[in-house]
Amino acid sequence: MPAAFTKCVRNGGKVRTKDLGNGKYMHICYDKSGKSHAGEVLTRKKPKKDKKKEKSDNRNPKQVVRSAKATLADLQRLKDHFDNL
């Protein structure tokens, strides 16, 4: 990082991140007098794929429960099913 930027951060300046587009960004430090000091242009890392998202994408949309409310008839059928085991 540039020396002026590092000095600004050490002296308690406020650091903001500016998006430059195309996956690039830079930190800018504003010191107490209001002057700005730019840091280096950096590149964002590519996001890692989340395994949980991949598993949830494999669900069949027809199997999604539309309502969590059970009727009295549903409860009676469940009771009868487990009583017969």
N, C-alpha and C. Protein backbone atom coordinates (compact mmCIF):
# COMPACT_ATOMS: atom_id res chain seq x y z
N MET A 1 0.84 -1.17 0.00
CA MET A 1 0.00 0.00 0.00
C MET A 1 0.89 1.25 0.00
N PRO A 2 0.41 2.32 -0.58
CA PRO A 2 1.18 3.56 -0.58
C PRO A 2 1.43 4.08 0.83
N ALA A 3 2.55 4.75 1.03
CA ALA A 3 2.94 5.23 2.36
C ALA A 3 1.92 6.21 2.93
N ALA A 4 1.37 7.10 2.11
CA ALA A 4 0.40 8.09 2.59
C ALA A 4 -0.88 7.39 3.08
N PHE A 5 -1.30 6.36 2.36
CA PHE A 5 -2.50 5.61 2.76
C PHE A 5 -2.25 4.91 4.09
N THR A 6 -1.12 4.23 4.21
CA THR A 6 -0.79 3.51 5.44
C THR A 6 -0.70 4.46 6.63
N LYS A 7 -0.10 5.63 6.42
CA LYS A 7 0.02 6.62 7.49
C LYS A 7 -1.35 7.12 7.91
N CYS A 8 -2.23 7.34 6.95
CA CYS A 8 -3.60 7.80 7.24
C CYS A 8 -4.34 6.77 8.09
N VAL A 9 -4.20 5.49 7.74
CA VAL A 9 -4.87 4.42 8.49
C VAL A 9 -4.31 4.36 9.91
N ARG A 10 -2.99 4.45 10.05
CA ARG A 10 -2.35 4.40 11.37
C ARG A 10 -2.81 5.56 12.26
N ASN A 11 -3.09 6.71 11.66
CA ASN A 11 -3.49 7.89 12.42
C ASN A 11 -4.99 7.95 12.66
N GLY A 12 -5.71 6.88 12.35
CA GLY A 12 -7.13 6.81 12.68
C GLY A 12 -8.06 7.32 11.61
N GLY A 13 -7.62 7.35 10.35
CA GLY A 13 -8.48 7.80 9.26
C GLY A 13 -9.59 6.79 8.98
N LYS A 14 -10.63 7.26 8.33
CA LYS A 14 -11.76 6.40 7.97
C LYS A 14 -11.51 5.79 6.61
N VAL A 15 -11.60 4.48 6.51
CA VAL A 15 -11.33 3.77 5.26
C VAL A 15 -12.66 3.40 4.61
N ARG A 16 -12.77 3.73 3.34
CA ARG A 16 -13.95 3.39 2.54
C ARG A 16 -13.47 2.58 1.34
N THR A 17 -14.35 1.74 0.82
CA THR A 17 -14.02 0.92 -0.34
C THR A 17 -14.79 1.44 -1.55
N LYS A 18 -14.08 1.68 -2.64
CA LYS A 18 -14.71 2.17 -3.87
C LYS A 18 -14.67 1.05 -4.89
N ASP A 19 -15.84 0.72 -5.46
CA ASP A 19 -15.94 -0.31 -6.49
C ASP A 19 -15.56 0.32 -7.82
N LEU A 20 -14.63 -0.30 -8.52
CA LEU A 20 -14.16 0.23 -9.80
C LEU A 20 -14.74 -0.53 -10.99
N GLY A 21 -15.55 -1.55 -10.73
CA GLY A 21 -16.13 -2.36 -11.80
C GLY A 21 -15.16 -3.43 -12.26
N ASN A 22 -15.66 -4.37 -13.03
CA ASN A 22 -14.87 -5.48 -13.56
C ASN A 22 -14.12 -6.25 -12.48
N GLY A 23 -14.70 -6.36 -11.28
CA GLY A 23 -14.10 -7.13 -10.22
C GLY A 23 -12.93 -6.44 -9.53
N LYS A 24 -12.80 -5.14 -9.71
CA LYS A 24 -11.69 -4.41 -9.09
C LYS A 24 -12.25 -3.39 -8.08
N TYR A 25 -11.45 -3.10 -7.06
CA TYR A 25 -11.84 -2.13 -6.05
C TYR A 25 -10.60 -1.51 -5.44
N MET A 26 -10.79 -0.42 -4.69
CA MET A 26 -9.67 0.20 -3.99
C MET A 26 -10.16 0.79 -2.68
N HIS A 27 -9.28 0.80 -1.69
CA HIS A 27 -9.57 1.41 -0.41
C HIS A 27 -9.11 2.86 -0.47
N ILE A 28 -9.90 3.74 0.11
CA ILE A 28 -9.56 5.15 0.21
C ILE A 28 -9.64 5.55 1.67
N CYS A 29 -8.60 6.20 2.19
CA CYS A 29 -8.57 6.63 3.58
C CYS A 29 -8.78 8.14 3.63
N TYR A 30 -9.72 8.58 4.48
CA TYR A 30 -9.97 10.00 4.68
C TYR A 30 -9.43 10.37 6.06
N ASP A 31 -8.44 11.28 6.09
CA ASP A 31 -7.87 11.66 7.37
C ASP A 31 -8.77 12.67 8.07
N LYS A 32 -8.39 13.08 9.27
CA LYS A 32 -9.24 13.95 10.09
C LYS A 32 -9.42 15.34 9.50
N SER A 33 -8.52 15.76 8.61
CA SER A 33 -8.66 17.06 7.97
C SER A 33 -9.51 16.99 6.70
N GLY A 34 -9.90 15.76 6.30
CA GLY A 34 -10.77 15.59 5.14
C GLY A 34 -10.05 15.22 3.86
N LYS A 35 -8.73 15.15 3.88
CA LYS A 35 -7.98 14.78 2.69
C LYS A 35 -8.10 13.27 2.45
N SER A 36 -8.05 12.89 1.18
CA SER A 36 -8.17 11.47 0.85
C SER A 36 -6.84 10.92 0.39
N HIS A 37 -6.62 9.66 0.69
CA HIS A 37 -5.39 8.97 0.31
C HIS A 37 -5.81 7.62 -0.26
N ALA A 38 -5.50 7.38 -1.54
CA ALA A 38 -5.93 6.16 -2.21
C ALA A 38 -4.95 5.04 -1.96
N GLY A 39 -5.50 3.84 -1.82
CA GLY A 39 -4.69 2.64 -1.69
C GLY A 39 -4.48 2.01 -3.06
N GLU A 40 -4.00 0.79 -3.08
CA GLU A 40 -3.76 0.08 -4.34
C GLU A 40 -5.08 -0.41 -4.94
N VAL A 41 -5.09 -0.62 -6.25
CA VAL A 41 -6.22 -1.23 -6.93
C VAL A 41 -6.11 -2.74 -6.71
N LEU A 42 -7.17 -3.33 -6.17
CA LEU A 42 -7.17 -4.76 -5.83
C LEU A 42 -8.21 -5.48 -6.67
N THR A 43 -8.09 -6.80 -6.76
CA THR A 43 -9.02 -7.62 -7.52
C THR A 43 -9.78 -8.53 -6.57
N ARG A 44 -11.09 -8.64 -6.78
CA ARG A 44 -11.92 -9.49 -5.93
C ARG A 44 -11.65 -10.97 -6.25
N LYS A 45 -11.77 -11.80 -5.21
CA LYS A 45 -11.65 -13.25 -5.39
C LYS A 45 -12.96 -13.77 -5.95
N LYS A 46 -12.88 -14.84 -6.72
CA LYS A 46 -14.09 -15.46 -7.22
C LYS A 46 -14.78 -16.16 -6.07
N PRO A 47 -16.12 -16.05 -5.96
CA PRO A 47 -16.81 -16.70 -4.85
C PRO A 47 -16.77 -18.22 -4.98
N LYS A 48 -16.61 -18.88 -3.83
CA LYS A 48 -16.62 -20.33 -3.80
C LYS A 48 -18.06 -20.80 -3.87
N LYS A 49 -18.29 -21.95 -4.52
CA LYS A 49 -19.64 -22.50 -4.58
C LYS A 49 -19.97 -23.14 -3.26
N ASP A 50 -21.17 -22.89 -2.77
CA ASP A 50 -21.63 -23.44 -1.51
C ASP A 50 -22.29 -24.79 -1.76
N LYS A 51 -21.84 -25.82 -1.05
CA LYS A 51 -22.39 -27.15 -1.25
C LYS A 51 -23.86 -27.21 -0.87
N LYS A 52 -24.26 -26.45 0.14
CA LYS A 52 -25.66 -26.47 0.56
C LYS A 52 -26.56 -25.93 -0.54
N LYS A 53 -26.12 -24.92 -1.25
CA LYS A 53 -26.93 -24.37 -2.34
C LYS A 53 -27.10 -25.40 -3.45
N GLU A 54 -26.04 -26.14 -3.75
CA GLU A 54 -26.12 -27.15 -4.80
C GLU A 54 -27.14 -28.22 -4.43
N LYS A 55 -27.17 -28.65 -3.18
CA LYS A 55 -28.12 -29.67 -2.76
C LYS A 55 -29.55 -29.15 -2.83
N SER A 56 -29.77 -27.91 -2.44
CA SER A 56 -31.13 -27.37 -2.44
C SER A 56 -31.64 -27.15 -3.85
N ASP A 57 -30.74 -26.98 -4.84
CA ASP A 57 -31.17 -26.79 -6.21
C ASP A 57 -31.67 -28.08 -6.83
N ASN A 58 -31.32 -29.23 -6.24
CA ASN A 58 -31.71 -30.52 -6.79
C ASN A 58 -33.11 -30.95 -6.38
N ARG A 59 -33.77 -30.16 -5.54
CA ARG A 59 -35.11 -30.52 -5.09
C ARG A 59 -36.11 -30.44 -6.23
N ASN A 60 -37.11 -31.29 -6.15
CA ASN A 60 -38.22 -31.24 -7.09
C ASN A 60 -39.22 -30.22 -6.55
N PRO A 61 -39.56 -29.19 -7.32
CA PRO A 61 -40.47 -28.15 -6.80
C PRO A 61 -41.84 -28.69 -6.43
N LYS A 62 -42.22 -29.85 -6.98
CA LYS A 62 -43.52 -30.41 -6.65
C LYS A 62 -43.54 -30.99 -5.24
N GLN A 63 -42.37 -31.26 -4.66
CA GLN A 63 -42.30 -31.86 -3.34
C GLN A 63 -42.26 -30.83 -2.23
N VAL A 64 -42.26 -29.57 -2.54
CA VAL A 64 -42.19 -28.53 -1.54
C VAL A 64 -43.53 -28.44 -0.81
N VAL A 65 -43.50 -28.39 0.51
CA VAL A 65 -44.72 -28.29 1.29
C VAL A 65 -45.28 -26.89 1.14
N ARG A 66 -46.52 -26.79 0.75
CA ARG A 66 -47.14 -25.49 0.54
C ARG A 66 -47.76 -24.94 1.82
N SER A 67 -48.13 -25.84 2.73
CA SER A 67 -48.75 -25.40 3.97
C SER A 67 -48.31 -26.35 5.09
N ALA A 68 -48.02 -25.80 6.24
CA ALA A 68 -47.58 -26.62 7.35
C ALA A 68 -48.73 -26.97 8.28
N LYS A 69 -49.92 -26.54 7.95
CA LYS A 69 -51.07 -26.79 8.82
C LYS A 69 -51.63 -28.18 8.56
N ALA A 70 -51.87 -28.95 9.62
CA ALA A 70 -52.45 -30.28 9.52
C ALA A 70 -53.91 -30.23 9.94
N THR A 71 -54.75 -30.92 9.20
CA THR A 71 -56.17 -30.98 9.57
C THR A 71 -56.37 -32.13 10.55
N LEU A 72 -57.54 -32.16 11.16
CA LEU A 72 -57.87 -33.22 12.10
C LEU A 72 -57.86 -34.59 11.41
N ALA A 73 -58.30 -34.63 10.15
CA ALA A 73 -58.30 -35.88 9.40
C ALA A 73 -56.86 -36.37 9.16
N ASP A 74 -55.94 -35.45 8.86
CA ASP A 74 -54.54 -35.82 8.67
C ASP A 74 -53.96 -36.42 9.94
N LEU A 75 -54.24 -35.80 11.07
CA LEU A 75 -53.73 -36.29 12.34
C LEU A 75 -54.30 -37.66 12.68
N GLN A 76 -55.58 -37.87 12.38
CA GLN A 76 -56.21 -39.16 12.64
C GLN A 76 -55.57 -40.26 11.79
N ARG A 77 -55.28 -39.95 10.49
CA ARG A 77 -54.63 -40.92 9.62
C ARG A 77 -53.24 -41.29 10.14
N LEU A 78 -52.50 -40.29 10.63
CA LEU A 78 -51.18 -40.56 11.19
C LEU A 78 -51.28 -41.45 12.43
N LYS A 79 -52.24 -41.15 13.28
CA LYS A 79 -52.45 -41.95 14.50
C LYS A 79 -52.77 -43.39 14.13
N ASP A 80 -53.67 -43.57 13.17
CA ASP A 80 -54.04 -44.92 12.75
C ASP A 80 -52.85 -45.66 12.16
N HIS A 81 -52.03 -44.95 11.40
CA HIS A 81 -50.86 -45.56 10.77
C HIS A 81 -49.89 -46.09 11.83
N PHE A 82 -49.62 -45.28 12.84
CA PHE A 82 -48.65 -45.69 13.85
C PHE A 82 -49.24 -46.68 14.85
N ASP A 83 -50.53 -46.67 15.01
CA ASP A 83 -51.15 -47.68 15.88
C ASP A 83 -51.09 -49.07 15.23
N ASN A 84 -51.11 -49.11 13.91
CA ASN A 84 -51.09 -50.38 13.19
C ASN A 84 -49.68 -50.98 13.10
N LEU A 85 -48.66 -50.24 13.46
CA LEU A 85 -47.29 -50.78 13.38
C LEU A 85 -47.05 -51.72 14.45
